[in-house]
Protein backbone atom coordinates (compact mmCIF):
# COMPACT_ATOMS: atom_id res chain seq x y z
CA MET A 1 -14.92 6.26 18.92
CA LYS A 2 -17.22 3.27 19.23
CA THR A 3 -15.10 1.29 21.64
CA GLY A 4 -17.16 -1.85 21.24
CA SER A 5 -16.56 -1.81 17.51
CA LEU A 6 -12.86 -1.24 18.07
CA GLY A 7 -12.64 -4.36 20.18
CA ALA A 8 -14.56 -6.43 17.65
CA SER A 9 -12.45 -5.09 14.81
CA ALA A 10 -9.22 -5.85 16.65
CA ALA A 11 -10.36 -9.38 17.40
CA MET A 12 -11.25 -9.98 13.78
CA PHE A 13 -7.91 -8.80 12.47
CA ALA A 14 -6.00 -10.62 15.19
CA ALA A 15 -7.60 -13.77 13.85
CA LEU A 16 -6.38 -12.89 10.38
CA ILE A 17 -2.83 -12.51 11.67
CA LEU A 18 -2.96 -15.97 13.21
CA ILE A 19 -3.75 -17.32 9.76
CA SER A 20 -1.36 -15.26 7.65
CA PRO A 21 0.70 -12.37 9.12
CA ALA A 22 1.49 -9.36 7.01
CA ALA A 23 4.88 -8.80 5.42
CA PRO A 24 6.73 -5.59 4.55
CA ALA A 25 6.15 -4.81 0.86
CA ALA A 26 9.58 -3.33 0.26
CA GLY A 27 11.68 -5.87 2.12
CA LYS A 28 14.80 -7.65 0.99
CA ALA A 29 13.88 -9.65 -2.07
CA GLY A 30 14.08 -13.40 -1.65
CA LYS A 31 15.17 -15.90 -4.28
CA ALA A 32 11.82 -16.41 -5.96
CA GLY A 33 10.97 -20.07 -6.44
CA LYS A 34 13.92 -21.34 -4.36
CA SER A 35 12.25 -21.10 -0.97
CA SER A 36 11.10 -24.47 0.33
CA CYS A 37 8.24 -22.64 2.05
CA VAL A 38 6.98 -21.39 -1.30
CA ALA A 39 7.54 -24.74 -3.00
CA CYS A 40 5.61 -26.63 -0.30
CA HIS A 41 2.74 -24.22 0.27
CA ARG A 42 2.17 -23.87 -3.45
CA GLU A 43 1.04 -27.49 -3.50
CA LEU A 44 -1.60 -27.03 -0.78
CA LYS A 45 -5.25 -26.98 -1.81
CA ALA A 46 -6.56 -23.51 -2.55
CA GLY A 47 -9.65 -24.17 -0.43
CA SER A 48 -7.63 -24.95 2.70
CA VAL A 49 -6.65 -22.28 5.23
CA TRP A 50 -2.95 -22.35 4.37
CA GLY A 51 -3.59 -22.85 0.66
CA HIS A 52 -5.88 -19.82 0.60
CA SER A 53 -3.26 -17.75 2.42
CA PHE A 54 -0.64 -18.78 -0.12
CA LYS A 55 -2.82 -17.71 -3.04
CA GLU A 56 -3.42 -14.39 -1.33
CA TRP A 57 0.33 -13.88 -0.95
CA GLU A 58 1.05 -15.09 -4.50
CA ASN A 59 -1.12 -12.31 -5.92
CA SER A 60 0.30 -9.61 -3.65
CA PRO A 61 2.88 -6.85 -4.22
CA HIS A 62 5.06 -8.68 -1.67
CA ALA A 63 5.33 -11.69 -3.93
CA ARG A 64 6.11 -9.51 -6.93
CA VAL A 65 9.11 -7.93 -5.22
CA GLY A 66 10.36 -11.23 -3.77
CA VAL A 67 9.27 -10.96 -0.13
CA GLU A 68 8.63 -14.58 0.84
CA CYS A 69 7.36 -16.58 3.82
CA GLN A 70 10.68 -16.64 5.68
CA ASP A 71 11.02 -12.86 5.52
CA CYS A 72 8.16 -12.56 8.01
CA HIS A 73 7.74 -15.96 9.60
CA LYS A 74 11.45 -16.90 9.83
CA GLY A 75 12.17 -20.63 9.87
CA ASP A 76 14.60 -22.37 7.52
CA SER A 77 13.48 -21.88 3.94
CA SER A 78 16.45 -23.85 2.61
CA SER A 79 15.30 -27.12 4.15
CA SER A 80 12.88 -29.37 2.30
CA ASP A 81 12.08 -31.21 5.53
CA ALA A 82 8.93 -29.65 7.02
CA SER A 83 9.94 -30.18 10.66
CA LYS A 84 13.33 -28.55 10.10
CA ALA A 85 11.90 -25.77 7.95
CA HIS A 86 9.53 -24.83 10.79
CA VAL A 87 12.24 -24.56 13.46
CA GLY A 88 12.38 -20.99 14.75
CA LEU A 89 9.06 -20.11 13.12
CA VAL A 90 7.69 -16.78 14.38
CA VAL A 91 4.12 -16.98 15.67
CA SER A 92 1.61 -14.16 16.00
CA ASN A 93 -0.13 -15.10 19.27
CA ASN A 94 2.89 -14.29 21.42
CA PRO A 95 2.87 -10.66 22.66
CA LYS A 96 6.66 -10.59 22.30
CA SER A 97 6.50 -11.65 18.66
CA PRO A 98 7.24 -8.98 16.03
CA ILE A 99 4.06 -10.04 14.22
CA TYR A 100 1.81 -9.83 17.28
CA PHE A 101 -1.18 -7.54 16.62
CA THR A 102 0.14 -4.49 18.48
CA ASN A 103 3.65 -4.96 17.05
CA ILE A 104 2.59 -5.17 13.40
CA PRO A 105 3.05 -1.42 12.62
CA ALA A 106 6.67 -1.45 13.80
CA PHE A 107 7.29 -4.70 11.95
CA CYS A 108 5.88 -3.40 8.66
CA GLY A 109 7.65 -0.12 9.40
CA GLY A 110 10.96 -1.92 9.08
CA CYS A 111 10.49 -1.46 5.34
CA HIS A 112 7.72 1.12 5.12
CA LYS A 113 9.60 3.66 7.21
CA GLY A 114 7.83 6.79 5.97
CA GLU A 115 4.38 5.29 6.44
CA PHE A 116 5.25 4.09 9.95
CA LYS A 117 6.63 7.50 10.90
CA GLU A 118 3.32 9.09 9.92
CA PHE A 119 1.21 6.33 11.48
CA ARG A 120 2.94 6.92 14.82
CA ARG A 121 1.58 10.47 14.75
CA SER A 122 -2.00 9.23 14.44
CA ARG A 123 -4.65 8.65 17.08
CA HIS A 124 -4.93 5.13 15.70
CA PHE A 125 -1.42 4.33 16.85
CA SER A 126 -2.03 5.89 20.27
CA GLU A 127 -5.18 3.81 20.70
CA LEU A 128 -3.38 0.65 19.62
CA GLN A 129 -0.55 1.22 22.10
CA ARG A 130 -2.84 2.32 24.93
CA THR A 131 -5.52 -0.37 24.72
CA GLY A 132 -4.25 -2.92 22.20
CA ARG A 133 -7.51 -2.52 20.27
CA GLY A 134 -6.79 0.15 17.69
CA PRO A 135 -6.36 -0.52 13.97
CA ASN A 136 -3.05 -1.52 12.46
CA CYS A 137 -1.72 -2.06 8.93
CA LEU A 138 -3.89 -5.13 8.39
CA THR A 139 -7.07 -3.22 9.06
CA CYS A 140 -6.80 -1.47 5.70
CA HIS A 141 -4.44 -3.65 3.68
CA GLY A 142 -5.45 -7.14 4.75
CA ALA A 143 -3.43 -9.95 6.22
CA MET A 144 -1.18 -10.28 3.18
CA ALA A 145 -1.18 -6.58 2.27
CA ALA A 146 -2.56 -7.76 -1.05
CA SER A 147 -4.02 -4.46 -2.18
CA ILE A 148 -4.65 -0.78 -1.59
CA PRO A 149 -8.19 -0.43 -0.20
CA SER A 150 -10.90 0.98 -2.43
CA PRO A 151 -12.62 4.20 -1.32
CA THR A 152 -15.84 2.29 -0.55
CA PHE A 153 -14.06 -0.38 1.50
CA LEU A 154 -12.08 2.20 3.44
CA GLN A 155 -15.16 4.30 4.16
CA ALA A 156 -16.96 1.21 5.51
CA THR A 157 -13.92 0.18 7.56
CA CYS A 158 -13.59 3.59 9.17
CA ALA A 159 -17.33 3.55 9.93
CA ASN A 160 -16.74 0.58 12.26
CA CYS A 161 -15.32 3.01 14.81
CA HIS A 162 -16.15 6.50 13.59
CA ASP A 163 -19.68 7.85 13.40
CA GLN A 164 -18.54 10.18 10.64
CA PRO A 165 -15.55 8.83 8.67
CA LEU A 166 -13.06 11.66 8.23
CA LYS A 167 -13.43 12.35 4.50
CA VAL A 168 -11.53 9.18 3.67
CA TYR A 169 -13.72 8.49 0.63
CA GLU A 170 -13.01 11.92 -0.81
CA GLY A 171 -9.34 11.61 0.09
CA LEU A 172 -8.79 8.21 -1.51
CA THR A 173 -10.83 9.10 -4.58
CA SER A 174 -8.80 12.30 -5.00
CA LEU A 175 -5.57 10.34 -4.55
CA SER A 176 -6.63 7.94 -7.30
CA LEU A 177 -7.37 10.86 -9.64
CA ALA A 178 -3.98 12.41 -8.85
CA ARG A 179 -2.27 9.11 -9.66
CA LYS A 180 -4.10 8.82 -13.00
CA ASN A 181 -3.26 12.42 -13.87
CA LEU A 182 0.41 11.81 -13.13
CA ALA A 183 0.40 8.74 -15.39
CA ARG A 184 -1.33 10.70 -18.17
CA LEU A 185 1.10 13.60 -17.87
CA GLY A 186 4.04 11.20 -17.98
CA ASP A 187 2.68 9.65 -21.20
CA LEU A 188 2.23 13.08 -22.78
CA VAL A 189 5.76 14.15 -21.85
CA ALA A 190 7.11 10.97 -23.47
CA GLN A 191 4.97 11.66 -26.56
CA ALA A 192 6.24 15.24 -26.74
CA ASP A 193 9.85 14.06 -26.55
CA LYS A 194 9.17 11.58 -29.36
CA GLU A 195 7.53 14.21 -31.56
CA GLY A 196 10.07 16.93 -30.84
CA VAL A 197 7.61 19.18 -29.01
CA SER A 198 9.06 21.22 -26.16
CA ALA A 199 7.77 19.99 -22.78
CA THR A 200 10.45 21.27 -20.41
CA ALA A 201 7.99 22.96 -18.04
CA GLU A 202 5.64 19.96 -17.97
CA LYS A 203 8.51 17.54 -17.41
CA LYS A 204 9.73 19.61 -14.46
CA ALA A 205 6.19 19.86 -13.07
CA ASN A 206 5.69 16.12 -13.47
CA GLU A 207 8.83 15.28 -11.49
CA ALA A 208 7.98 17.75 -8.71
CA LEU A 209 4.39 16.52 -8.45
CA LYS A 210 5.49 12.88 -8.38
CA LYS A 211 7.69 13.64 -5.38
CA LYS A 212 4.81 15.46 -3.71
CA TYR A 213 2.55 12.48 -4.43
CA ALA A 214 5.02 10.09 -2.80
CA GLY A 215 5.09 12.33 0.26
CA VAL A 216 1.30 12.48 0.43
CA GLN A 217 1.11 8.69 0.28
CA GLU A 218 3.18 8.60 3.47
CA GLN A 219 1.35 11.51 5.11
CA TRP A 220 -1.94 9.72 4.53
CA HIS A 221 -1.04 7.23 7.27
CA ALA A 222 -1.38 9.90 9.96
CA PHE A 223 -5.06 10.09 8.89
CA LYS A 224 -5.16 13.86 9.05
CA MET A 225 -7.42 14.58 6.09
CA SER A 226 -7.32 18.33 6.70
CA VAL A 227 -3.60 18.17 5.88
CA VAL A 228 -3.49 15.70 3.00
CA LEU A 229 -6.61 16.77 1.07
CA PRO A 230 -5.23 20.20 0.07
CA GLU A 231 -1.96 18.52 -0.97
CA ILE A 232 -3.78 15.95 -3.09
CA LYS A 233 -5.92 18.63 -4.75
CA GLU A 234 -2.79 20.65 -5.53
CA ILE A 235 -1.33 17.61 -7.30
CA SER A 236 -4.55 16.99 -9.26
CA GLY A 237 -4.83 20.64 -10.22
CA GLY A 238 -1.19 20.99 -11.20
CA THR A 239 -1.22 17.87 -13.36
CA ALA A 240 -4.54 18.85 -14.97
CA ARG A 241 -3.14 22.24 -16.01
CA SER A 242 0.03 20.69 -17.41
CA ILE A 243 -1.99 18.05 -19.27
CA ARG A 244 -4.24 20.68 -20.82
CA ASP A 245 -1.32 22.89 -21.92
CA LEU A 246 0.69 20.03 -23.37
CA GLU A 247 -2.30 18.48 -25.16
CA MET A 248 -2.98 21.86 -26.80
CA ARG A 249 0.62 22.17 -28.00
CA LEU A 250 0.71 18.60 -29.24
CA GLY A 251 -2.58 19.13 -31.04
CA ALA A 252 -1.34 22.37 -32.61
CA GLU A 253 1.91 20.70 -33.71
CA ASN A 254 0.08 17.76 -35.25
CA GLY A 255 -2.33 20.13 -37.01
CA SER A 256 0.60 22.13 -38.38
CA THR A 257 2.29 18.96 -39.60
CA ARG A 258 -0.86 17.79 -41.38
CA GLY A 259 -1.22 21.24 -42.97
CA LYS A 260 2.25 21.01 -44.50
CA LYS A 261 1.36 17.71 -46.07
C-alpha cells in the first residue's frame, strides 16, 4: 500500500465527517418532516457548508427511508429552540464518539450488519484499526452515503493506495450487469404470468439469484474479488440464460396467438 496516500485519504475523509457524518441507510425511520433539525436545516442556504450537507442528505437513500439528523447526531429533534435541540449532539472529532473516523464502520454496521461483518474480514478494516488511516464507509459512499460509487470512481479511489486496483472496475461493472439482468428477468416473469405463459423455472431461478445477489452485495465489502467475481458472473450467466429461454417462449406464444387471428 502507498502509506502516504492512505494518510492523505484518511485526512480528507475525516474532514468530510466533521462536516456531515454518515448515517446507517437502513436505520429506524424517523417521522419525515417533523424533525426540527430537518425543518431548520432545510432553510439554510444551499451554498453554505451546512446547507450543502442538508441537500446531500435530502437526495440520499437515508432520507428516502426516514433516517434523519438525530438518528446519527443525536440532540433533541423535538425542540424548535436551536440551543436546546443541540444539547447532547454527537461530534465526530472525539475519538470516543460513535461517528469518529475509526468508529464509523461499527456505527454504520448497526444497520448494515452483513456489510460490516464482511468489512471486518478485510485488510482495510485491519489497517483502519491498526493505524487509524485505512478507508471506511465514507471512502466509497461519501459523507452522506448518498450513492453507490461508479466503477470509474471506485477504480480511482482504490488507486490512491493500491498500485494495481484489485479488479474493482470489472467487479462493479459485472455487479451492475447482474442487477440489470435480474430486473429484466423479473419483468419477463411478470409478463409471462400476465399472458398465461409458464415461467415456473424462471421464477424459481429469479428468486434464487436475487438471494445470491444480496449475499454478493455483502461479500463485496471484504474486497476479495477472487471470491465475489465468480459469484457475480454466475448470477449474470444464470439470469441471461433464463431471459433468453423465456423471451423465446413469449415470442413463440405471441407468434402463435397472431397466427390464430
